[in-house]
C-alpha atoms as a PDB file:
ATOM      1  CA  UNK A   1       0.000   0.000   0.000  1.00  0.00           C
ATOM      2  CA  UNK A   2       1.585   3.268  -1.116  1.00  0.00           C
ATOM      3  CA  UNK A   3       0.894   6.444   0.814  1.00  0.00           C
ATOM      4  CA  UNK A   4       2.187   9.983   0.355  1.00  0.00           C
ATOM      5  CA  UNK A   5       4.923  11.176   2.705  1.00  0.00           C
ATOM      6  CA  UNK A   6       4.467  14.379   4.726  1.00  0.00           C
ATOM      7  CA  UNK A   7       7.637  15.520   6.460  1.00  0.00           C
ATOM      8  CA  UNK A   8       6.297  18.965   7.375  1.00  0.00           C
ATOM      9  CA  UNK A   9       2.782  20.342   7.546  1.00  0.00           C
ATOM     10  CA  UNK A  10       2.181  23.579   5.654  1.00  0.00           C
ATOM     11  CA  UNK A  11      -0.553  25.729   7.230  1.00  0.00           C
ATOM     12  CA  UNK A  12       0.706  29.308   6.729  1.00  0.00           C
ATOM     13  CA  UNK A  13      -2.551  30.858   7.936  1.00  0.00           C
ATOM     14  CA  UNK A  14      -2.228  29.192  11.345  1.00  0.00           C
ATOM     15  CA  UNK A  15       0.085  29.992  14.268  1.00  0.00           C
ATOM     16  CA  UNK A  16       2.778  27.320  14.579  1.00  0.00           C
ATOM     17  CA  UNK A  17       3.379  26.715  18.275  1.00  0.00           C
ATOM     18  CA  UNK A  18       5.923  23.893  18.157  1.00  0.00           C
ATOM     19  CA  UNK A  19       7.542  21.440  15.793  1.00  0.00           C
ATOM     20  CA  UNK A  20       8.611  18.263  17.560  1.00  0.00           C
ATOM     21  CA  UNK A  21      10.313  15.125  16.345  1.00  0.00           C
ATOM     22  CA  UNK A  22       7.073  13.887  14.795  1.00  0.00           C
ATOM     23  CA  UNK A  23       4.249  16.364  15.448  1.00  0.00           C
ATOM     24  CA  UNK A  24       3.584  19.939  14.359  1.00  0.00           C
ATOM     25  CA  UNK A  25       1.408  21.834  16.844  1.00  0.00           C
ATOM     26  CA  UNK A  26      -0.651  24.923  15.979  1.00  0.00           C
ATOM     27  CA  UNK A  27      -2.207  27.356  18.455  1.00  0.00           C
ATOM     28  CA  UNK A  28      -5.921  27.928  17.822  1.00  0.00           C
ATOM     29  CA  UNK A  29      -6.578  29.993  20.919  1.00  0.00           C
ATOM     30  CA  UNK A  30      -8.383  27.733  23.382  1.00  0.00           C
ATOM     31  CA  UNK A  31      -7.549  24.641  21.324  1.00  0.00           C
ATOM     32  CA  UNK A  32      -4.533  23.029  19.673  1.00  0.00           C
ATOM     33  CA  UNK A  33      -4.241  21.501  16.226  1.00  0.00           C
ATOM     34  CA  UNK A  34      -1.842  18.564  16.430  1.00  0.00           C
ATOM     35  CA  UNK A  35      -0.568  17.234  13.113  1.00  0.00           C
ATOM     36  CA  UNK A  36       1.256  13.890  13.004  1.00  0.00           C
ATOM     37  CA  UNK A  37       3.811  13.979  10.196  1.00  0.00           C
ATOM     38  CA  UNK A  38       5.655  11.016   8.696  1.00  0.00           C
ATOM     39  CA  UNK A  39       8.922  11.998  10.347  1.00  0.00           C
ATOM     40  CA  UNK A  40      10.574   9.230  12.317  1.00  0.00           C
ATOM     41  CA  UNK A  41      13.271   9.462  14.955  1.00  0.00           C
ATOM     42  CA  UNK A  42      15.591   6.951  16.545  1.00  0.00           C
ATOM     43  CA  UNK A  43      18.102   7.517  19.330  1.00  0.00           C
ATOM     44  CA  UNK A  44      16.715  11.077  19.566  1.00  0.00           C
ATOM     45  CA  UNK A  45      17.702  11.894  15.980  1.00  0.00           C
ATOM     46  CA  UNK A  46      15.129  12.602  13.263  1.00  0.00           C
ATOM     47  CA  UNK A  47      15.770  10.646  10.088  1.00  0.00           C
ATOM     48  CA  UNK A  48      16.135  12.484   6.775  1.00  0.00           C
ATOM     49  CA  UNK A  49      13.384  10.429   5.137  1.00  0.00           C
ATOM     50  CA  UNK A  50       9.924   9.696   6.483  1.00  0.00           C
ATOM     51  CA  UNK A  51       7.795   6.551   6.677  1.00  0.00           C
ATOM     52  CA  UNK A  52       4.773   6.661   4.318  1.00  0.00           C
ATOM     53  CA  UNK A  53       1.491   6.872   6.220  1.00  0.00           C
ATOM     54  CA  UNK A  54       3.137   6.762   9.650  1.00  0.00           C
ATOM     55  CA  UNK A  55       1.597  10.028  10.835  1.00  0.00           C
ATOM     56  CA  UNK A  56      -1.905   8.959   9.847  1.00  0.00           C
ATOM     57  CA  UNK A  57      -1.466   5.643  11.670  1.00  0.00           C
ATOM     58  CA  UNK A  58      -0.191   7.343  14.830  1.00  0.00           C
ATOM     59  CA  UNK A  59      -2.997   9.898  14.784  1.00  0.00           C
ATOM     60  CA  UNK A  60      -5.770   7.397  14.157  1.00  0.00           C
ATOM     61  CA  UNK A  61      -4.435   4.906  16.680  1.00  0.00           C
ATOM     62  CA  UNK A  62      -4.138   7.585  19.374  1.00  0.00           C
ATOM     63  CA  UNK A  63      -7.690   8.687  18.597  1.00  0.00           C
ATOM     64  CA  UNK A  64      -8.844   5.082  18.926  1.00  0.00           C
ATOM     65  CA  UNK A  65      -7.174   4.633  22.319  1.00  0.00           C
ATOM     66  CA  UNK A  66      -8.353   8.016  23.605  1.00  0.00           C
ATOM     67  CA  UNK A  67     -11.927   6.916  22.887  1.00  0.00           C
ATOM     68  CA  UNK A  68     -11.416   3.430  24.318  1.00  0.00           C
ATOM     69  CA  UNK A  69      -9.904   4.609  27.611  1.00  0.00           C
ATOM     70  CA  UNK A  70     -12.224   7.511  28.494  1.00  0.00           C
ATOM     71  CA  UNK A  71     -13.663   5.377  31.291  1.00  0.00           C
ATOM     72  CA  UNK A  72     -10.199   5.313  32.874  1.00  0.00           C
ATOM     73  CA  UNK A  73      -9.068   8.894  32.353  1.00  0.00           C
ATOM     74  CA  UNK A  74     -10.087  12.157  30.733  1.00  0.00           C
ATOM     75  CA  UNK A  75      -7.921  13.139  27.754  1.00  0.00           C
ATOM     76  CA  UNK A  76      -7.336  16.145  25.545  1.00  0.00           C
ATOM     77  CA  UNK A  77      -8.980  14.849  22.347  1.00  0.00           C
ATOM     78  CA  UNK A  78     -11.853  16.916  20.941  1.00  0.00           C
ATOM     79  CA  UNK A  79     -12.129  15.321  17.487  1.00  0.00           C
ATOM     80  CA  UNK A  80     -10.100  13.826  14.653  1.00  0.00           C
ATOM     81  CA  UNK A  81     -12.787  14.652  12.076  1.00  0.00           C
ATOM     82  CA  UNK A  82     -11.565  17.580   9.961  1.00  0.00           C
ATOM     83  CA  UNK A  83     -15.179  18.392   9.077  1.00  0.00           C
ATOM     84  CA  UNK A  84     -15.589  19.426  12.732  1.00  0.00           C
ATOM     85  CA  UNK A  85     -12.457  21.589  12.809  1.00  0.00           C
ATOM     86  CA  UNK A  86     -12.737  25.406  12.911  1.00  0.00           C
ATOM     87  CA  UNK A  87     -13.281  27.086   9.538  1.00  0.00           C
ATOM     88  CA  UNK A  88      -9.746  28.506   9.361  1.00  0.00           C
ATOM     89  CA  UNK A  89      -8.348  24.984   9.755  1.00  0.00           C
ATOM     90  CA  UNK A  90     -10.645  23.325   7.241  1.00  0.00           C
ATOM     91  CA  UNK A  91      -8.865  25.311   4.517  1.00  0.00           C
ATOM     92  CA  UNK A  92      -6.049  22.755   4.925  1.00  0.00           C
ATOM     93  CA  UNK A  93      -8.325  19.712   5.068  1.00  0.00           C
ATOM     94  CA  UNK A  94      -6.649  17.890   2.198  1.00  0.00           C
ATOM     95  CA  UNK A  95      -3.299  17.599   3.967  1.00  0.00           C
ATOM     96  CA  UNK A  96      -4.740  17.282   7.477  1.00  0.00           C
ATOM     97  CA  UNK A  97      -7.344  14.565   6.875  1.00  0.00           C
ATOM     98  CA  UNK A  98      -6.556  11.428   8.850  1.00  0.00           C
ATOM     99  CA  UNK A  99      -3.375  12.772  10.422  1.00  0.00           C
ATOM    100  CA  UNK A 100      -4.536  15.559  12.739  1.00  0.00           C
ATOM    101  CA  UNK A 101      -6.573  16.091  15.869  1.00  0.00           C
ATOM    102  CA  UNK A 102      -8.205  19.014  17.595  1.00  0.00           C
ATOM    103  CA  UNK A 103      -7.240  18.965  21.259  1.00  0.00           C
ATOM    104  CA  UNK A 104      -7.917  20.949  24.386  1.00  0.00           C
ATOM    105  CA  UNK A 105      -5.020  22.896  25.815  1.00  0.00           C
ATOM    106  CA  UNK A 106      -3.460  21.459  28.945  1.00  0.00           C
ATOM    107  CA  UNK A 107      -0.898  22.497  31.519  1.00  0.00           C
ATOM    108  CA  UNK A 108       1.592  19.719  30.937  1.00  0.00           C
ATOM    109  CA  UNK A 109       3.200  17.766  33.756  1.00  0.00           C
ATOM    110  CA  UNK A 110       6.829  17.693  32.643  1.00  0.00           C
ATOM    111  CA  UNK A 111       7.564  14.017  33.231  1.00  0.00           C
ATOM    112  CA  UNK A 112       7.300  10.893  31.105  1.00  0.00           C
ATOM    113  CA  UNK A 113       5.082   8.261  32.733  1.00  0.00           C
ATOM    114  CA  UNK A 114       6.493   4.897  31.676  1.00  0.00           C
ATOM    115  CA  UNK A 115       4.930   1.560  32.564  1.00  0.00           C
ATOM    116  CA  UNK A 116       6.851  -1.658  31.990  1.00  0.00           C
ATOM    117  CA  UNK A 117       5.185  -5.051  31.985  1.00  0.00           C
ATOM    118  CA  UNK A 118       8.096  -6.967  30.481  1.00  0.00           C
ATOM    119  CA  UNK A 119      11.862  -6.859  30.881  1.00  0.00           C
ATOM    120  CA  UNK A 120      13.242  -5.360  27.689  1.00  0.00           C
ATOM    121  CA  UNK A 121      15.370  -2.594  26.232  1.00  0.00           C
ATOM    122  CA  UNK A 122      17.123  -0.316  28.714  1.00  0.00           C
ATOM    123  CA  UNK A 123      15.290  -2.042  31.579  1.00  0.00           C
ATOM    124  CA  UNK A 124      16.865  -5.383  30.636  1.00  0.00           C
ATOM    125  CA  UNK A 125      20.307  -3.760  30.363  1.00  0.00           C
ATOM    126  CA  UNK A 126      19.999  -2.256  33.845  1.00  0.00           C
ATOM    127  CA  UNK A 127      18.647  -5.493  35.329  1.00  0.00           C
ATOM    128  CA  UNK A 128      21.652  -7.427  34.005  1.00  0.00           C
ATOM    129  CA  UNK A 129      23.982  -4.922  35.640  1.00  0.00           C
ATOM    130  CA  UNK A 130      22.324  -4.474  39.011  1.00  0.00           C
ATOM    131  CA  UNK A 131      19.158  -6.552  39.378  1.00  0.00           C
ATOM    132  CA  UNK A 132      17.102  -3.360  39.339  1.00  0.00           C
ATOM    133  CA  UNK A 133      14.958  -1.392  36.893  1.00  0.00           C
ATOM    134  CA  UNK A 134      15.017   2.358  37.421  1.00  0.00           C
ATOM    135  CA  UNK A 135      16.238   1.681  40.935  1.00  0.00           C
ATOM    136  CA  UNK A 136      13.467  -0.800  41.770  1.00  0.00           C
ATOM    137  CA  UNK A 137      14.778  -4.209  42.852  1.00  0.00           C
ATOM    138  CA  UNK A 138      13.334  -7.129  40.891  1.00  0.00           C
ATOM    139  CA  UNK A 139      13.435 -10.874  41.621  1.00  0.00           C
ATOM    140  CA  UNK A 140      16.660 -12.648  40.708  1.00  0.00           C
ATOM    141  CA  UNK A 141      16.893 -14.997  37.741  1.00  0.00           C
ATOM    142  CA  UNK A 142      14.674 -13.133  35.270  1.00  0.00           C
ATOM    143  CA  UNK A 143      15.489 -13.444  31.575  1.00  0.00           C
ATOM    144  CA  UNK A 144      15.203 -10.995  28.692  1.00  0.00           C
ATOM    145  CA  UNK A 145      11.611 -10.259  27.637  1.00  0.00           C
ATOM    146  CA  UNK A 146      10.145 -12.095  30.614  1.00  0.00           C
ATOM    147  CA  UNK A 147       6.841 -10.822  31.989  1.00  0.00           C
ATOM    148  CA  UNK A 148       7.294  -9.010  35.280  1.00  0.00           C
ATOM    149  CA  UNK A 149       5.361 -10.274  38.326  1.00  0.00           C
ATOM    150  CA  UNK A 150       3.475  -6.946  38.256  1.00  0.00           C
ATOM    151  CA  UNK A 151       3.775  -3.972  35.891  1.00  0.00           C
ATOM    152  CA  UNK A 152       6.035  -1.263  37.290  1.00  0.00           C
ATOM    153  CA  UNK A 153       5.876   2.517  36.987  1.00  0.00           C
ATOM    154  CA  UNK A 154       9.238   4.010  35.999  1.00  0.00           C
ATOM    155  CA  UNK A 155       8.997   7.764  35.409  1.00  0.00           C
ATOM    156  CA  UNK A 156      11.596   9.866  33.650  1.00  0.00           C
ATOM    157  CA  UNK A 157      12.281  13.514  33.111  1.00  0.00           C
ATOM    158  CA  UNK A 158      11.043  15.062  29.883  1.00  0.00           C
ATOM    159  CA  UNK A 159      14.007  16.636  28.138  1.00  0.00           C
ATOM    160  CA  UNK A 160      13.403  19.368  25.552  1.00  0.00           C
ATOM    161  CA  UNK A 161      16.562  18.183  23.812  1.00  0.00           C
ATOM    162  CA  UNK A 162      18.766  15.145  24.291  1.00  0.00           C
ATOM    163  CA  UNK A 163      17.884  12.121  26.379  1.00  0.00           C
ATOM    164  CA  UNK A 164      15.256  11.766  29.084  1.00  0.00           C
ATOM    165  CA  UNK A 165      16.605  10.640  32.467  1.00  0.00           C
ATOM    166  CA  UNK A 166      15.038   7.885  34.552  1.00  0.00           C
ATOM    167  CA  UNK A 167      14.055   8.996  38.035  1.00  0.00           C
ATOM    168  CA  UNK A 168      12.819   7.216  41.151  1.00  0.00           C
ATOM    169  CA  UNK A 169       9.334   7.596  42.593  1.00  0.00           C
ATOM    170  CA  UNK A 170      10.898   9.613  45.440  1.00  0.00           C
ATOM    171  CA  UNK A 171      12.494  11.973  42.917  1.00  0.00           C
ATOM    172  CA  UNK A 172       9.144  12.284  41.138  1.00  0.00           C
ATOM    173  CA  UNK A 173       7.501  13.194  44.442  1.00  0.00           C
ATOM    174  CA  UNK A 174      10.129  15.897  44.952  1.00  0.00           C
ATOM    175  CA  UNK A 175       9.421  17.262  41.477  1.00  0.00           C
ATOM    176  CA  UNK A 176       5.618  17.297  41.453  1.00  0.00           C
ATOM    177  CA  UNK A 177       4.513  16.504  45.000  1.00  0.00           C
ATOM    178  CA  UNK A 178       3.493  13.233  46.627  1.00  0.00           C
ATOM    179  CA  UNK A 179      -0.205  13.479  45.748  1.00  0.00           C
ATOM    180  CA  UNK A 180       0.329  14.120  42.040  1.00  0.00           C
ATOM    181  CA  UNK A 181       3.098  11.517  41.838  1.00  0.00           C
ATOM    182  CA  UNK A 182       0.716   8.926  43.255  1.00  0.00           C
ATOM    183  CA  UNK A 183      -2.030   9.948  40.834  1.00  0.00           C
ATOM    184  CA  UNK A 184       0.317   9.703  37.842  1.00  0.00           C
ATOM    185  CA  UNK A 185       1.445   6.247  38.913  1.00  0.00           C
ATOM    186  CA  UNK A 186      -2.069   4.913  39.539  1.00  0.00           C
ATOM    187  CA  UNK A 187      -3.528   6.352  36.336  1.00  0.00           C
ATOM    188  CA  UNK A 188      -0.631   5.111  34.184  1.00  0.00           C
ATOM    189  CA  UNK A 189      -0.832   1.587  35.604  1.00  0.00           C
ATOM    190  CA  UNK A 190      -4.626   1.457  35.216  1.00  0.00           C
ATOM    191  CA  UNK A 191      -4.447   2.451  31.544  1.00  0.00           C
ATOM    192  CA  UNK A 192      -1.597   0.044  30.839  1.00  0.00           C
ATOM    193  CA  UNK A 193      -3.285  -2.926  32.522  1.00  0.00           C
ATOM    194  CA  UNK A 194      -6.550  -2.346  30.679  1.00  0.00           C
ATOM    195  CA  UNK A 195      -4.866  -1.791  27.307  1.00  0.00           C
ATOM    196  CA  UNK A 196      -2.587  -4.799  27.779  1.00  0.00           C
ATOM    197  CA  UNK A 197      -5.617  -7.074  28.195  1.00  0.00           C
ATOM    198  CA  UNK A 198      -7.386  -5.491  25.213  1.00  0.00           C
ATOM    199  CA  UNK A 199      -4.327  -5.897  22.985  1.00  0.00           C
ATOM    200  CA  UNK A 200      -3.546  -9.432  24.121  1.00  0.00           C
ATOM    201  CA  UNK A 201      -6.971 -10.580  22.896  1.00  0.00           C
ATOM    202  CA  UNK A 202      -5.924  -9.240  19.486  1.00  0.00           C
ATOM    203  CA  UNK A 203      -2.573 -10.986  19.352  1.00  0.00           C
ATOM    204  CA  UNK A 204      -0.349  -8.144  20.546  1.00  0.00           C
ATOM    205  CA  UNK A 205       1.664  -7.894  23.749  1.00  0.00           C
ATOM    206  CA  UNK A 206       2.225  -4.346  24.986  1.00  0.00           C
ATOM    207  CA  UNK A 207       5.588  -4.787  26.665  1.00  0.00           C
ATOM    208  CA  UNK A 208       5.835  -1.191  27.850  1.00  0.00           C
ATOM    209  CA  UNK A 209       4.400   2.221  27.094  1.00  0.00           C
ATOM    210  CA  UNK A 210       4.960   5.910  27.751  1.00  0.00           C
ATOM    211  CA  UNK A 211       2.179   8.301  28.705  1.00  0.00           C
ATOM    212  CA  UNK A 212       2.009  12.037  29.206  1.00  0.00           C
ATOM    213  CA  UNK A 213      -0.402  13.978  31.380  1.00  0.00           C
ATOM    214  CA  UNK A 214      -1.542  17.537  31.856  1.00  0.00           C
ATOM    215  CA  UNK A 215      -4.205  19.467  33.709  1.00  0.00           C
ATOM    216  CA  UNK A 216      -7.293  20.597  31.801  1.00  0.00           C
ATOM    217  CA  UNK A 217      -9.624  22.804  33.835  1.00  0.00           C
ATOM    218  CA  UNK A 218      -7.912  21.510  36.966  1.00  0.00           C
ATOM    219  CA  UNK A 219      -8.420  17.843  36.044  1.00  0.00           C
ATOM    220  CA  UNK A 220      -5.594  15.401  35.306  1.00  0.00           C
ATOM    221  CA  UNK A 221      -5.868  14.177  31.698  1.00  0.00           C
ATOM    222  CA  UNK A 222      -3.883  12.122  29.198  1.00  0.00           C
ATOM    223  CA  UNK A 223      -2.329  14.261  26.470  1.00  0.00           C
ATOM    224  CA  UNK A 224      -0.024  13.989  23.435  1.00  0.00           C
ATOM    225  CA  UNK A 225      -0.280  10.443  22.007  1.00  0.00           C
ATOM    226  CA  UNK A 226      -1.469   7.181  23.515  1.00  0.00           C
ATOM    227  CA  UNK A 227      -0.384   3.556  23.038  1.00  0.00           C
ATOM    228  CA  UNK A 228       1.152   3.959  19.582  1.00  0.00           C
ATOM    229  CA  UNK A 229       4.143   2.143  18.080  1.00  0.00           C
ATOM    230  CA  UNK A 230       6.158   5.310  18.775  1.00  0.00           C
ATOM    231  CA  UNK A 231       5.333   5.372  22.491  1.00  0.00           C
ATOM    232  CA  UNK A 232       5.048   1.630  23.151  1.00  0.00           C
ATOM    233  CA  UNK A 233       6.786  -1.669  22.516  1.00  0.00           C
ATOM    234  CA  UNK A 234       4.380  -4.042  20.702  1.00  0.00           C
ATOM    235  CA  UNK A 235       5.204  -7.738  20.312  1.00  0.00           C
ATOM    236  CA  UNK A 236       3.519 -10.569  18.439  1.00  0.00           C
ATOM    237  CA  UNK A 237       1.846 -12.739  21.095  1.00  0.00           C
ATOM    238  CA  UNK A 238       2.010 -15.839  18.923  1.00  0.00           C
ATOM    239  CA  UNK A 239       5.783 -15.729  18.450  1.00  0.00           C
ATOM    240  CA  UNK A 240       6.584 -14.452  21.962  1.00  0.00           C
ATOM    241  CA  UNK A 241       9.338 -16.439  23.645  1.00  0.00           C
ATOM    242  CA  UNK A 242      11.091 -15.238  26.830  1.00  0.00           C
ATOM    243  CA  UNK A 243      14.874 -15.393  26.936  1.00  0.00           C
ATOM    244  CA  UNK A 244      15.536 -13.387  23.775  1.00  0.00           C
ATOM    245  CA  UNK A 245      14.648 -10.122  22.115  1.00  0.00           C
ATOM    246  CA  UNK A 246      11.254 -10.070  20.403  1.00  0.00           C
ATOM    247  CA  UNK A 247      10.188  -8.995  16.913  1.00  0.00           C
ATOM    248  CA  UNK A 248       8.325  -5.701  17.369  1.00  0.00           C
ATOM    249  CA  UNK A 249       5.470  -3.858  15.676  1.00  0.00           C
ATOM    250  CA  UNK A 250       7.274  -0.576  16.110  1.00  0.00           C
ATOM    251  CA  UNK A 251      10.490   1.137  15.050  1.00  0.00           C
ATOM    252  CA  UNK A 252      12.733  -1.496  16.605  1.00  0.00           C
ATOM    253  CA  UNK A 253      13.431  -2.791  13.085  1.00  0.00           C
ATOM    254  CA  UNK A 254      14.735   0.674  12.204  1.00  0.00           C
ATOM    255  CA  UNK A 255      16.813   0.860  15.385  1.00  0.00           C
ATOM    256  CA  UNK A 256      18.312  -2.570  14.698  1.00  0.00           C
ATOM    257  CA  UNK A 257      19.286  -1.539  11.169  1.00  0.00           C
ATOM    258  CA  UNK A 258      20.866   1.677  12.432  1.00  0.00           C
ATOM    259  CA  UNK A 259      22.832  -0.282  15.036  1.00  0.00           C
ATOM    260  CA  UNK A 260      24.146  -2.578  12.294  1.00  0.00           C
ATOM    261  CA  UNK A 261      25.604   0.364  10.347  1.00  0.00           C
ATOM    262  CA  UNK A 262      28.020   1.425  13.084  1.00  0.00           C
ATOM    263  CA  UNK A 263      26.429   4.887  13.192  1.00  0.00           C
ATOM    264  CA  UNK A 264      27.578   6.894  16.229  1.00  0.00           C
ATOM    265  CA  UNK A 265      23.992   8.068  16.969  1.00  0.00           C
ATOM    266  CA  UNK A 266      24.906  11.680  16.328  1.00  0.00           C
ATOM    267  CA  UNK A 267      23.161  13.717  13.600  1.00  0.00           C
ATOM    268  CA  UNK A 268      22.954  13.338  10.743  1.00  0.00           C
ATOM    269  CA  UNK A 269      21.637   9.782  10.602  1.00  0.00           C
ATOM    270  CA  UNK A 270      22.547   7.610   7.617  1.00  0.00           C
ATOM    271  CA  UNK A 271      20.046   7.614   4.727  1.00  0.00           C
ATOM    272  CA  UNK A 272      17.422   4.888   5.097  1.00  0.00           C
ATOM    273  CA  UNK A 273      17.255   2.214   2.386  1.00  0.00           C
ATOM    274  CA  UNK A 274      13.856   1.790   0.739  1.00  0.00           C
ATOM    275  CA  UNK A 275      13.527  -1.697   2.244  1.00  0.00           C
ATOM    276  CA  UNK A 276      13.995  -0.381   5.796  1.00  0.00           C
ATOM    277  CA  UNK A 277      11.384   2.331   5.217  1.00  0.00           C
ATOM    278  CA  UNK A 278       8.866  -0.133   3.766  1.00  0.00           C
ATOM    279  CA  UNK A 279       9.432  -2.785   6.439  1.00  0.00           C
ATOM    280  CA  UNK A 280       8.967  -0.140   9.138  1.00  0.00           C
ATOM    281  CA  UNK A 281       5.750   1.077   7.473  1.00  0.00           C
ATOM    282  CA  UNK A 282       4.495  -2.522   7.357  1.00  0.00           C
ATOM    283  CA  UNK A 283       5.073  -2.883  11.112  1.00  0.00           C
ATOM    284  CA  UNK A 284       3.026   0.219  11.886  1.00  0.00           C
ATOM    285  CA  UNK A 285       0.180  -0.819   9.585  1.00  0.00           C
ATOM    286  CA  UNK A 286       0.017  -4.347  11.008  1.00  0.00           C
ATOM    287  CA  UNK A 287      -0.137  -3.047  14.578  1.00  0.00           C
ATOM    288  CA  UNK A 288      -3.034  -0.796  13.642  1.00  0.00           C
ATOM    289  CA  UNK A 289      -4.916  -3.583  11.822  1.00  0.00           C
ATOM    290  CA  UNK A 290      -4.660  -5.954  14.754  1.00  0.00           C
ATOM    291  CA  UNK A 291      -5.627  -3.464  17.427  1.00  0.00           C
ATOM    292  CA  UNK A 292      -8.400  -1.596  15.626  1.00  0.00           C
ATOM    293  CA  UNK A 293      -9.641  -4.402  13.386  1.00  0.00           C
ATOM    294  CA  UNK A 294      -9.444  -2.505  10.100  1.00  0.00           C
ATOM    295  CA  UNK A 295      -6.924  -0.734   7.890  1.00  0.00           C
ATOM    296  CA  UNK A 296      -5.909   2.848   8.664  1.00  0.00           C
ATOM    297  CA  UNK A 297      -7.078   5.569   6.283  1.00  0.00           C
ATOM    298  CA  UNK A 298      -3.957   6.636   4.397  1.00  0.00           C
END
C-alpha cells in the first residue's frame, strides 16, 4: 500500500506553536491543532526520510485509544474529524485529513510516565547490571523479555533536547509533590493494565508504554499520544518467547538496522534504504490492523 509522505505540515494561515520530532502543533486559541507527520526518529535523531502513512497511523491509533480509555481517564482529544475543525483549519483539510486532531489545551506535567510489563530494552540492560529497573529491585533470575510479576511505573524527566533521564518515585515526588506523583502512577498503571488485556486478545503484547499527562480545567488528563508504536513496545503474542529479544510492531526494526551500520547516533543519521522504510511502514500498519480491526485511512 503506497501512501504519500508528509515531512512537514504547511498551514501558513495558522500559528505554529511547536515542531517536535514527529508532530507539528498549531495554536488555535483555546484549542490546539496537532498534526502527526511522517517523520521518524531513533536515538533522539530525526531521520532524513519519512515513513509513508506513519503520521496517519499514529494519529488514528491515538484517537482510537483516547476513545477506548475515556472510562479510565479524561484526555485532551476533541475530534479527529476535519469536518468538525474550525473554519480557518478546514482550509487545509486535504493535507490534514486522517493525520490531525483538535485537542484541548493542557498544563503539561513535565515528566514521562512509563509503565513496563516486560523486561526489555534499557530495563533489561539495567537489570543485568544491578538486578534493578530504574532503581526498583526485581526478583533474581529473570530473563530478557520475561513478563514481570506486576507492571512497574518508571517515570523519567522530559528533556526538551537530548535524552530523558530515569528517576525514582521519590524523585518524582520531589518534582511534582506526593499526591500528584501517586495519581500519575495509579492512572498510568490502570491504563496500561486495561490496554494490555485489550491488545492481548488481538494478538499483541504491549511490553511497555509511555504516557504524558496535563491538567485541563484543573483535572488530570492524558495528552499527546497514547499507546502507539512510537510510544510503546508491541510484540507478536504468537511468536513471543522469553529469553531473547522479540520482533516488534514498532520502530525497533529501524533501530536494529541503524545499530548494524556502526552509526555513532549523532546527527545526521545515515540515509534509510527503501527496504527499511517499507518494512517499518508494514510494522506500523500491522499493529493498527490488529488493534483496531481494520486498515488505517492513508
